[in-house]
Amino acid sequence: MQMQFEDAYKEVYEIVKPKYKLFTAGPVACFPEVLEIMKVQMFSHRAKEYKIVHMDTVERLKKFLEVEKGEVLLFPSSGTGIMEASIRNGVSKGGKVLVTIIGAFGKRYKEVVESNGRKAVVLEYEPGKAVKPEDLDEALKKNPDVEAVTITYNETSTGVLNPLPELAKVAKEHDKLVFVDAVSAMGGADIKVTKWGIDVVFGSSQKAFGVPPGLAIGAFSEEFIEIANKAEEKGWYFDVPKYIKYQYKKQGTPSTPPMPQVFGLNVVLRIIEKMGGKEEWLKMYQKRAEIIRNGVREIGLEILAEPGYESPTITAVLTPEGIKGDVIYEEMRKRGFEIAKGYGEGIKEKTFRIGHMGYMTFEDIEEMLQNLKEVIEDLKKKA
């Protein structure tokens, strides 16, 4: 297609053109195949062509997330939108929710609970620690009236992966709904929705799937849907039964979806299939994580996450004594690498983060680690 106003394009491109190799917390670098499909000209989201892609994407996600009972829905929002939907659709007005907190995004779930007129009971750990099943069991014994438990599967601020299957098992033994924030886990860590007894789990396009932001992915159990059908004052935009109705009747969403992101996600799910399936894809993520963690330790730095609970998608690194994380971030940027600053109360200055998500090569990882080594050595000399 001929550009009539190419100068307008160039003016914006000069601002946003790629300058860095991305090792961020998200949005992340996108797969070339994703960027290519997203260039397709737009058409009606009620057209049969969109309906085909929408439903194919949903079916592929059901397989990837191992949803045997329940529904997978696509939302034109960030993952936080489904976080709010879980509370508005699944918890009674004034009802209690047990919120497990291991970092900044667990705290966000607490804020969402409370801002929607529900009460939060908190089980909180210091940054770097994971929720322990025995602690959750004890907290539920003390608070038998909570309706749901929230779990941050992968805490983006600390690089900790919670033991989700074990935690969900405990919650289900107490007959509680299980709500899982998997924004930085979905696509990079295993999720078995039905087998593990998860009632709501949500992710975002801009993390481990390597697609631009704007699309949220949610899986919902039959039990949750039954509760949502009876819930009052759910609002309009995040009314889960409304999304189910539109998916069956219209093969789409109630409001206009981010079509390019849906196309991009569909391409990624096909890439996963062509790579050998979910198992091979997740092995790739584990290999990236191991190389990065080993490389960081070889430089002489320590990982924030406690041993055995390290994230497959992001690593929070403790800074050397006397060096702030944002200084390391800026020095890496000068060398053409975009990592992530520390995030969260108490750890912002003493950590920096390295994302393993999206499009990157193993050569990129080795190059990043070599530059990080040089940056740390230079900063230590100046400290």
Protein backbone atom coordinates (compact mmCIF):
# COMPACT_ATOMS: atom_id res chain seq x y z
CA MET A 1 0.00 0.00 0.00
CA GLN A 2 1.40 3.37 -1.04
CA MET A 3 1.98 5.85 1.79
CA GLN A 4 0.63 9.30 0.97
CA PHE A 5 2.00 10.95 4.12
CA GLU A 6 5.26 9.13 4.66
CA ASP A 7 6.74 12.11 6.51
CA ALA A 8 4.10 11.68 9.27
CA TYR A 9 5.18 8.06 9.65
CA LYS A 10 8.88 9.02 9.74
CA GLU A 11 8.33 11.68 12.41
CA VAL A 12 6.88 9.13 14.81
CA TYR A 13 9.27 6.35 13.77
CA GLU A 14 12.24 8.52 14.72
CA ILE A 15 10.90 8.62 18.27
CA VAL A 16 10.02 4.94 18.69
CA LYS A 17 12.44 3.13 16.36
CA PRO A 18 14.19 0.12 17.94
CA LYS A 19 17.36 1.09 19.77
CA TYR A 20 17.81 -1.69 22.33
CA LYS A 21 17.85 -5.44 22.72
CA LEU A 22 15.01 -6.03 25.16
CA PHE A 23 15.31 -7.95 28.44
CA THR A 24 12.41 -6.14 30.03
CA ALA A 25 9.54 -7.03 32.35
CA GLY A 26 7.11 -6.23 29.52
CA PRO A 27 6.15 -5.16 26.97
CA VAL A 28 8.78 -7.39 25.43
CA ALA A 29 10.31 -7.82 21.98
CA CYS A 30 7.80 -9.40 19.60
CA PHE A 31 8.40 -12.30 17.29
CA PRO A 32 9.00 -11.13 13.68
CA GLU A 33 6.11 -13.32 12.51
CA VAL A 34 3.83 -11.51 14.99
CA LEU A 35 4.82 -8.06 13.76
CA GLU A 36 4.29 -9.16 10.18
CA ILE A 37 0.74 -10.49 10.71
CA MET A 38 -0.19 -7.37 12.68
CA LYS A 39 0.45 -5.24 9.59
CA VAL A 40 -2.60 -6.69 7.82
CA GLN A 41 -5.28 -4.14 6.88
CA MET A 42 -8.23 -3.96 9.28
CA PHE A 43 -11.75 -5.18 8.61
CA SER A 44 -14.93 -5.67 10.68
CA HIS A 45 -14.56 -7.65 13.90
CA ARG A 46 -17.97 -9.16 13.09
CA ALA A 47 -16.72 -10.47 9.73
CA LYS A 48 -16.43 -14.24 9.30
CA GLU A 49 -12.65 -14.00 8.87
CA TYR A 50 -12.23 -12.51 12.35
CA LYS A 51 -14.64 -15.04 13.84
CA ILE A 52 -12.53 -17.89 12.43
CA VAL A 53 -9.33 -16.51 13.97
CA HIS A 54 -11.00 -15.63 17.29
CA MET A 55 -12.43 -19.09 17.87
CA ASP A 56 -9.28 -20.81 16.63
CA THR A 57 -7.25 -18.75 19.11
CA VAL A 58 -9.60 -19.71 21.96
CA GLU A 59 -9.37 -23.41 21.09
CA ARG A 60 -5.58 -23.29 20.91
CA LEU A 61 -5.47 -21.52 24.29
CA LYS A 62 -7.75 -24.17 25.82
CA LYS A 63 -5.25 -26.80 24.74
CA PHE A 64 -2.23 -24.79 25.93
CA LEU A 65 -3.78 -24.00 29.33
CA GLU A 66 -5.30 -27.49 29.63
CA VAL A 67 -8.85 -26.28 30.14
CA GLU A 68 -11.03 -29.40 30.08
CA LYS A 69 -14.04 -27.80 31.78
CA GLY A 70 -14.88 -24.11 31.64
CA GLU A 71 -14.20 -21.30 29.21
CA VAL A 72 -11.30 -19.31 27.77
CA LEU A 73 -12.14 -15.69 26.95
CA LEU A 74 -10.28 -12.81 25.31
CA PHE A 75 -10.62 -9.31 26.78
CA PRO A 76 -9.68 -5.98 25.15
CA SER A 77 -7.71 -4.86 28.22
CA SER A 78 -4.59 -5.47 30.25
CA GLY A 79 -4.49 -8.45 32.60
CA THR A 80 -5.57 -6.18 35.44
CA GLY A 81 -8.99 -5.97 33.80
CA ILE A 82 -9.58 -9.67 34.43
CA MET A 83 -8.19 -9.24 37.94
CA GLU A 84 -11.07 -6.83 38.53
CA ALA A 85 -13.52 -9.15 36.74
CA SER A 86 -12.62 -12.01 39.10
CA ILE A 87 -13.71 -9.94 42.09
CA ARG A 88 -16.81 -8.30 40.58
CA ASN A 89 -18.12 -11.58 39.14
CA GLY A 90 -16.96 -14.08 41.77
CA VAL A 91 -17.12 -12.47 45.23
CA SER A 92 -20.28 -11.23 46.93
CA LYS A 93 -20.56 -7.53 47.78
CA GLY A 94 -18.81 -7.05 51.10
CA GLY A 95 -17.40 -10.59 50.92
CA LYS A 96 -13.91 -11.54 52.08
CA VAL A 97 -10.94 -12.58 49.97
CA LEU A 98 -7.66 -14.07 51.23
CA VAL A 99 -4.96 -12.22 49.29
CA THR A 100 -1.49 -13.79 49.24
CA ILE A 101 1.22 -11.18 48.74
CA ILE A 102 4.86 -11.82 47.82
CA GLY A 103 5.48 -8.52 46.03
CA ALA A 104 4.02 -5.46 44.31
CA PHE A 105 1.48 -7.27 42.16
CA GLY A 106 0.03 -9.22 45.06
CA LYS A 107 -0.54 -5.80 46.64
CA ARG A 108 -2.33 -4.70 43.48
CA TYR A 109 -4.79 -7.59 43.88
CA LYS A 110 -5.48 -6.36 47.42
CA GLU A 111 -6.19 -2.86 46.07
CA VAL A 112 -8.55 -4.29 43.45
CA VAL A 113 -10.40 -6.32 46.10
CA GLU A 114 -10.86 -3.29 48.35
CA SER A 115 -11.66 -0.76 45.61
CA ASN A 116 -14.53 -3.02 44.54
CA GLY A 117 -16.13 -3.03 47.99
CA ARG A 118 -14.83 -6.38 49.21
CA LYS A 119 -12.64 -7.11 52.25
CA ALA A 120 -9.07 -8.36 51.95
CA VAL A 121 -7.47 -10.72 54.49
CA VAL A 122 -3.73 -10.71 53.87
CA LEU A 123 -1.07 -13.42 53.98
CA GLU A 124 2.15 -11.56 53.19
CA TYR A 125 5.81 -12.52 52.82
CA GLU A 126 8.99 -10.50 52.49
CA PRO A 127 10.22 -9.95 48.90
CA GLY A 128 11.99 -13.00 47.50
CA LYS A 129 9.92 -15.54 49.40
CA ALA A 130 7.14 -17.78 48.07
CA VAL A 131 3.83 -18.67 49.69
CA LYS A 132 4.08 -21.93 51.61
CA PRO A 133 1.14 -24.39 51.47
CA GLU A 134 1.17 -24.96 55.24
CA ASP A 135 0.89 -21.21 55.86
CA LEU A 136 -2.04 -20.95 53.46
CA ASP A 137 -3.72 -23.86 55.19
CA GLU A 138 -3.31 -22.16 58.58
CA ALA A 139 -4.59 -18.82 57.24
CA LEU A 140 -7.70 -20.50 55.83
CA LYS A 141 -8.36 -22.26 59.12
CA LYS A 142 -8.27 -18.87 60.85
CA ASN A 143 -10.46 -17.25 58.18
CA PRO A 144 -13.07 -19.84 57.16
CA ASP A 145 -15.44 -17.16 55.88
CA VAL A 146 -13.30 -16.02 52.92
CA GLU A 147 -14.85 -16.78 49.54
CA ALA A 148 -11.70 -16.88 47.42
CA VAL A 149 -7.91 -17.01 47.53
CA THR A 150 -5.75 -14.90 45.21
CA ILE A 151 -2.33 -16.17 44.15
CA THR A 152 0.29 -14.35 42.12
CA TYR A 153 1.73 -17.29 40.19
CA ASN A 154 4.83 -15.41 39.07
CA GLU A 155 5.63 -12.22 40.98
CA THR A 156 7.10 -9.88 38.35
CA SER A 157 8.69 -7.59 40.93
CA THR A 158 10.71 -10.31 42.71
CA GLY A 159 11.20 -13.08 40.15
CA VAL A 160 9.53 -15.67 42.40
CA LEU A 161 7.36 -18.50 41.05
CA ASN A 162 4.79 -19.62 43.62
CA PRO A 163 4.07 -23.39 43.99
CA LEU A 164 0.68 -22.98 42.34
CA PRO A 165 -0.48 -26.64 42.16
CA GLU A 166 0.16 -27.14 45.89
CA LEU A 167 -1.45 -23.82 46.87
CA ALA A 168 -4.52 -24.43 44.72
CA LYS A 169 -4.88 -27.89 46.28
CA VAL A 170 -4.91 -26.39 49.79
CA ALA A 171 -7.48 -23.75 48.80
CA LYS A 172 -9.73 -26.39 47.25
CA GLU A 173 -9.48 -28.56 50.39
CA HIS A 174 -11.07 -25.56 52.15
CA ASP A 175 -13.66 -25.25 49.35
CA LYS A 176 -12.49 -21.79 48.23
CA LEU A 177 -12.37 -20.25 44.76
CA VAL A 178 -8.84 -19.91 43.37
CA PHE A 179 -7.97 -16.71 41.47
CA VAL A 180 -4.54 -16.67 39.80
CA ASP A 181 -2.64 -13.68 38.46
CA ALA A 182 -0.51 -15.32 35.77
CA VAL A 183 0.36 -12.15 33.85
CA SER A 184 4.11 -12.85 33.76
CA ALA A 185 3.67 -16.63 33.97
CA MET A 186 1.19 -17.52 31.23
CA GLY A 187 3.11 -18.64 28.19
CA GLY A 188 6.33 -19.19 30.16
CA ALA A 189 5.30 -21.47 33.05
CA ASP A 190 3.08 -24.54 33.01
CA ILE A 191 -0.62 -24.05 33.74
CA LYS A 192 -3.13 -26.90 34.03
CA VAL A 193 -6.39 -25.11 34.75
CA THR A 194 -8.77 -28.02 35.27
CA LYS A 195 -6.33 -30.50 36.84
CA TRP A 196 -5.05 -27.96 39.38
CA GLY A 197 -8.53 -26.71 40.30
CA ILE A 198 -8.09 -23.10 39.19
CA ASP A 199 -11.26 -21.00 38.96
CA VAL A 200 -9.83 -17.90 37.30
CA VAL A 201 -6.40 -17.48 35.72
CA PHE A 202 -5.40 -14.55 33.57
CA GLY A 203 -2.46 -13.39 31.50
CA SER A 204 -1.52 -10.62 29.09
CA SER A 205 -0.33 -10.62 25.49
CA GLN A 206 2.77 -8.47 26.15
CA LYS A 207 4.66 -10.91 28.37
CA ALA A 208 5.74 -14.50 27.67
CA PHE A 209 3.69 -14.83 24.47
CA GLY A 210 5.72 -12.03 22.87
CA VAL A 211 2.81 -10.01 21.44
CA PRO A 212 2.18 -6.24 21.85
CA PRO A 213 0.03 -5.11 24.81
CA GLY A 214 -3.73 -4.67 24.68
CA LEU A 215 -5.09 -8.21 24.95
CA ALA A 216 -5.89 -10.13 28.15
CA ILE A 217 -6.50 -13.87 28.30
CA GLY A 218 -8.70 -15.45 30.95
CA ALA A 219 -9.72 -19.02 31.78
CA PHE A 220 -12.76 -19.59 33.99
CA SER A 221 -14.04 -22.72 35.74
CA GLU A 222 -17.62 -23.98 35.57
CA GLU A 223 -18.00 -23.24 39.30
CA PHE A 224 -16.92 -19.64 38.83
CA ILE A 225 -19.22 -19.17 35.84
CA GLU A 226 -22.18 -20.48 37.86
CA ILE A 227 -21.45 -17.90 40.58
CA ALA A 228 -20.93 -15.14 37.99
CA ASN A 229 -24.29 -15.88 36.39
CA LYS A 230 -25.99 -15.01 39.70
CA ALA A 231 -23.75 -12.08 40.65
CA GLU A 232 -25.25 -8.59 40.76
CA GLU A 233 -23.77 -5.25 39.66
CA LYS A 234 -20.87 -6.82 37.76
CA GLY A 235 -20.54 -3.72 35.63
CA TRP A 236 -20.69 -3.91 31.83
CA TYR A 237 -17.15 -4.08 30.50
CA PHE A 238 -15.96 -7.03 32.60
CA ASP A 239 -19.20 -9.00 32.85
CA VAL A 240 -17.89 -12.55 32.34
CA PRO A 241 -21.27 -14.16 31.40
CA LYS A 242 -21.68 -11.42 28.78
CA TYR A 243 -18.33 -12.43 27.23
CA ILE A 244 -19.38 -16.09 27.18
CA LYS A 245 -22.70 -15.18 25.52
CA TYR A 246 -20.95 -13.14 22.80
CA GLN A 247 -18.36 -15.84 22.23
CA TYR A 248 -21.04 -18.43 21.53
CA LYS A 249 -23.45 -16.21 19.59
CA LYS A 250 -21.07 -13.82 17.80
CA GLN A 251 -17.73 -15.69 17.89
CA GLY A 252 -16.16 -12.58 19.34
CA THR A 253 -16.27 -10.07 22.19
CA PRO A 254 -18.97 -7.63 23.39
CA SER A 255 -16.86 -4.60 22.45
CA THR A 256 -14.28 -4.21 19.70
CA PRO A 257 -11.29 -6.50 20.28
CA PRO A 258 -7.66 -5.57 19.52
CA MET A 259 -7.69 -7.56 16.30
CA PRO A 260 -3.97 -7.27 15.47
CA GLN A 261 -3.04 -8.66 18.90
CA VAL A 262 -5.45 -11.57 18.44
CA PHE A 263 -3.86 -12.32 15.07
CA GLY A 264 -0.41 -12.09 16.67
CA LEU A 265 -1.33 -14.44 19.51
CA ASN A 266 -2.76 -16.92 17.04
CA VAL A 267 0.54 -16.90 15.16
CA VAL A 268 2.48 -17.50 18.40
CA LEU A 269 0.26 -20.45 19.31
CA ARG A 270 0.95 -21.89 15.86
CA ILE A 271 4.70 -21.32 16.36
CA ILE A 272 4.47 -23.27 19.63
CA GLU A 273 2.81 -26.13 17.77
CA LYS A 274 5.47 -26.10 15.05
CA MET A 275 8.25 -26.07 17.69
CA GLY A 276 6.97 -29.37 19.04
CA GLY A 277 4.23 -28.20 21.38
CA LYS A 278 3.87 -26.75 24.85
CA GLU A 279 6.54 -28.93 26.46
CA GLU A 280 9.27 -27.84 24.03
CA TRP A 281 8.22 -24.20 24.28
CA LEU A 282 8.42 -24.24 28.09
CA LYS A 283 11.81 -25.99 27.91
CA MET A 284 13.04 -23.02 25.88
CA TYR A 285 11.96 -20.70 28.69
CA GLN A 286 13.63 -22.86 31.33
CA LYS A 287 16.86 -22.90 29.33
CA ARG A 288 16.84 -19.10 29.00
CA ALA A 289 16.24 -18.72 32.74
CA GLU A 290 19.06 -21.11 33.67
CA ILE A 291 21.56 -19.40 31.37
CA ILE A 292 20.68 -15.97 32.76
CA ARG A 293 20.74 -17.04 36.42
CA ASN A 294 24.03 -18.93 36.00
CA GLY A 295 25.52 -15.99 34.14
CA VAL A 296 24.47 -13.54 36.83
CA ARG A 297 26.00 -15.73 39.55
CA GLU A 298 29.23 -16.07 37.57
CA ILE A 299 29.46 -12.27 37.61
CA GLY A 300 29.28 -12.51 41.41
CA LEU A 301 25.72 -11.29 41.89
CA GLU A 302 22.93 -12.88 43.91
CA ILE A 303 19.32 -13.66 42.97
CA LEU A 304 16.48 -12.26 45.10
CA ALA A 305 14.24 -15.34 44.76
CA GLU A 306 14.70 -18.07 47.36
CA PRO A 307 16.20 -21.31 45.96
CA GLY A 308 13.69 -23.62 44.33
CA TYR A 309 11.18 -20.86 43.54
CA GLU A 310 12.97 -19.01 40.74
CA SER A 311 10.87 -17.63 37.90
CA PRO A 312 11.21 -19.00 34.36
CA THR A 313 10.31 -15.58 32.89
CA ILE A 314 12.11 -12.89 34.93
CA THR A 315 15.07 -12.70 37.32
CA ALA A 316 15.39 -10.07 40.06
CA VAL A 317 19.08 -9.49 40.81
CA LEU A 318 20.49 -7.96 44.00
CA THR A 319 22.86 -5.08 43.30
CA PRO A 320 26.41 -4.96 44.68
CA GLU A 321 26.93 -2.94 47.86
CA GLY A 322 26.86 0.81 47.17
CA ILE A 323 25.43 0.54 43.64
CA LYS A 324 21.80 1.37 42.85
CA GLY A 325 19.78 -0.70 40.42
CA ASP A 326 18.71 2.23 38.27
CA VAL A 327 22.39 3.09 37.66
CA ILE A 328 22.98 -0.41 36.29
CA TYR A 329 19.85 0.00 34.18
CA GLU A 330 21.09 3.28 32.67
CA GLU A 331 24.59 1.92 31.99
CA MET A 332 23.15 -1.13 30.21
CA ARG A 333 20.93 1.17 28.16
CA LYS A 334 24.01 3.07 26.97
CA ARG A 335 25.28 -0.24 25.63
CA GLY A 336 22.05 -0.99 23.77
CA PHE A 337 20.36 -3.29 26.28
CA GLU A 338 17.04 -2.53 27.92
CA ILE A 339 16.72 -4.49 31.18
CA ALA A 340 14.19 -3.56 33.89
CA LYS A 341 14.60 -1.38 36.97
CA GLY A 342 13.79 -2.71 40.41
CA TYR A 343 10.10 -2.55 41.29
CA GLY A 344 8.32 -2.51 44.62
CA GLU A 345 8.58 -1.14 48.12
CA GLY A 346 11.88 -1.89 49.83
CA ILE A 347 13.60 -3.46 46.82
CA LYS A 348 13.36 -0.82 44.10
CA GLU A 349 16.88 0.57 44.59
CA LYS A 350 18.67 -2.62 45.61
CA THR A 351 17.56 -4.74 42.64
CA PHE A 352 17.36 -4.73 38.88
CA ARG A 353 15.51 -7.25 36.76
CA ILE A 354 16.29 -9.24 33.64
CA GLY A 355 13.32 -10.45 31.63
CA HIS A 356 13.55 -13.72 29.70
CA MET A 357 10.34 -13.12 27.75
CA GLY A 358 9.43 -12.62 24.12
CA TYR A 359 11.72 -12.69 21.12
CA MET A 360 15.42 -13.14 21.89
CA THR A 361 18.19 -15.47 20.81
CA PHE A 362 20.65 -17.33 23.03
CA GLU A 363 23.37 -15.23 21.39
CA ASP A 364 21.54 -12.11 22.58
CA ILE A 365 21.56 -13.50 26.13
CA GLU A 366 25.30 -14.19 26.09
CA GLU A 367 25.99 -10.72 24.70
CA MET A 368 23.82 -9.14 27.39
CA LEU A 369 25.59 -11.07 30.17
CA GLN A 370 29.02 -10.06 28.88
CA ASN A 371 27.98 -6.40 28.85
CA LEU A 372 26.45 -6.73 32.32
CA LYS A 373 29.73 -8.16 33.60
CA GLU A 374 31.65 -5.19 32.20
CA VAL A 375 29.13 -2.70 33.62
CA ILE A 376 29.33 -4.23 37.10
CA GLU A 377 33.14 -4.27 37.01
CA ASP A 378 33.24 -0.60 35.95
CA LEU A 379 30.73 0.49 38.61
CA LYS A 380 32.57 -1.41 41.36
CA LYS A 381 35.74 0.47 40.50
CA LYS A 382 33.91 3.79 40.85
CA ALA A 383 32.00 2.85 44.02
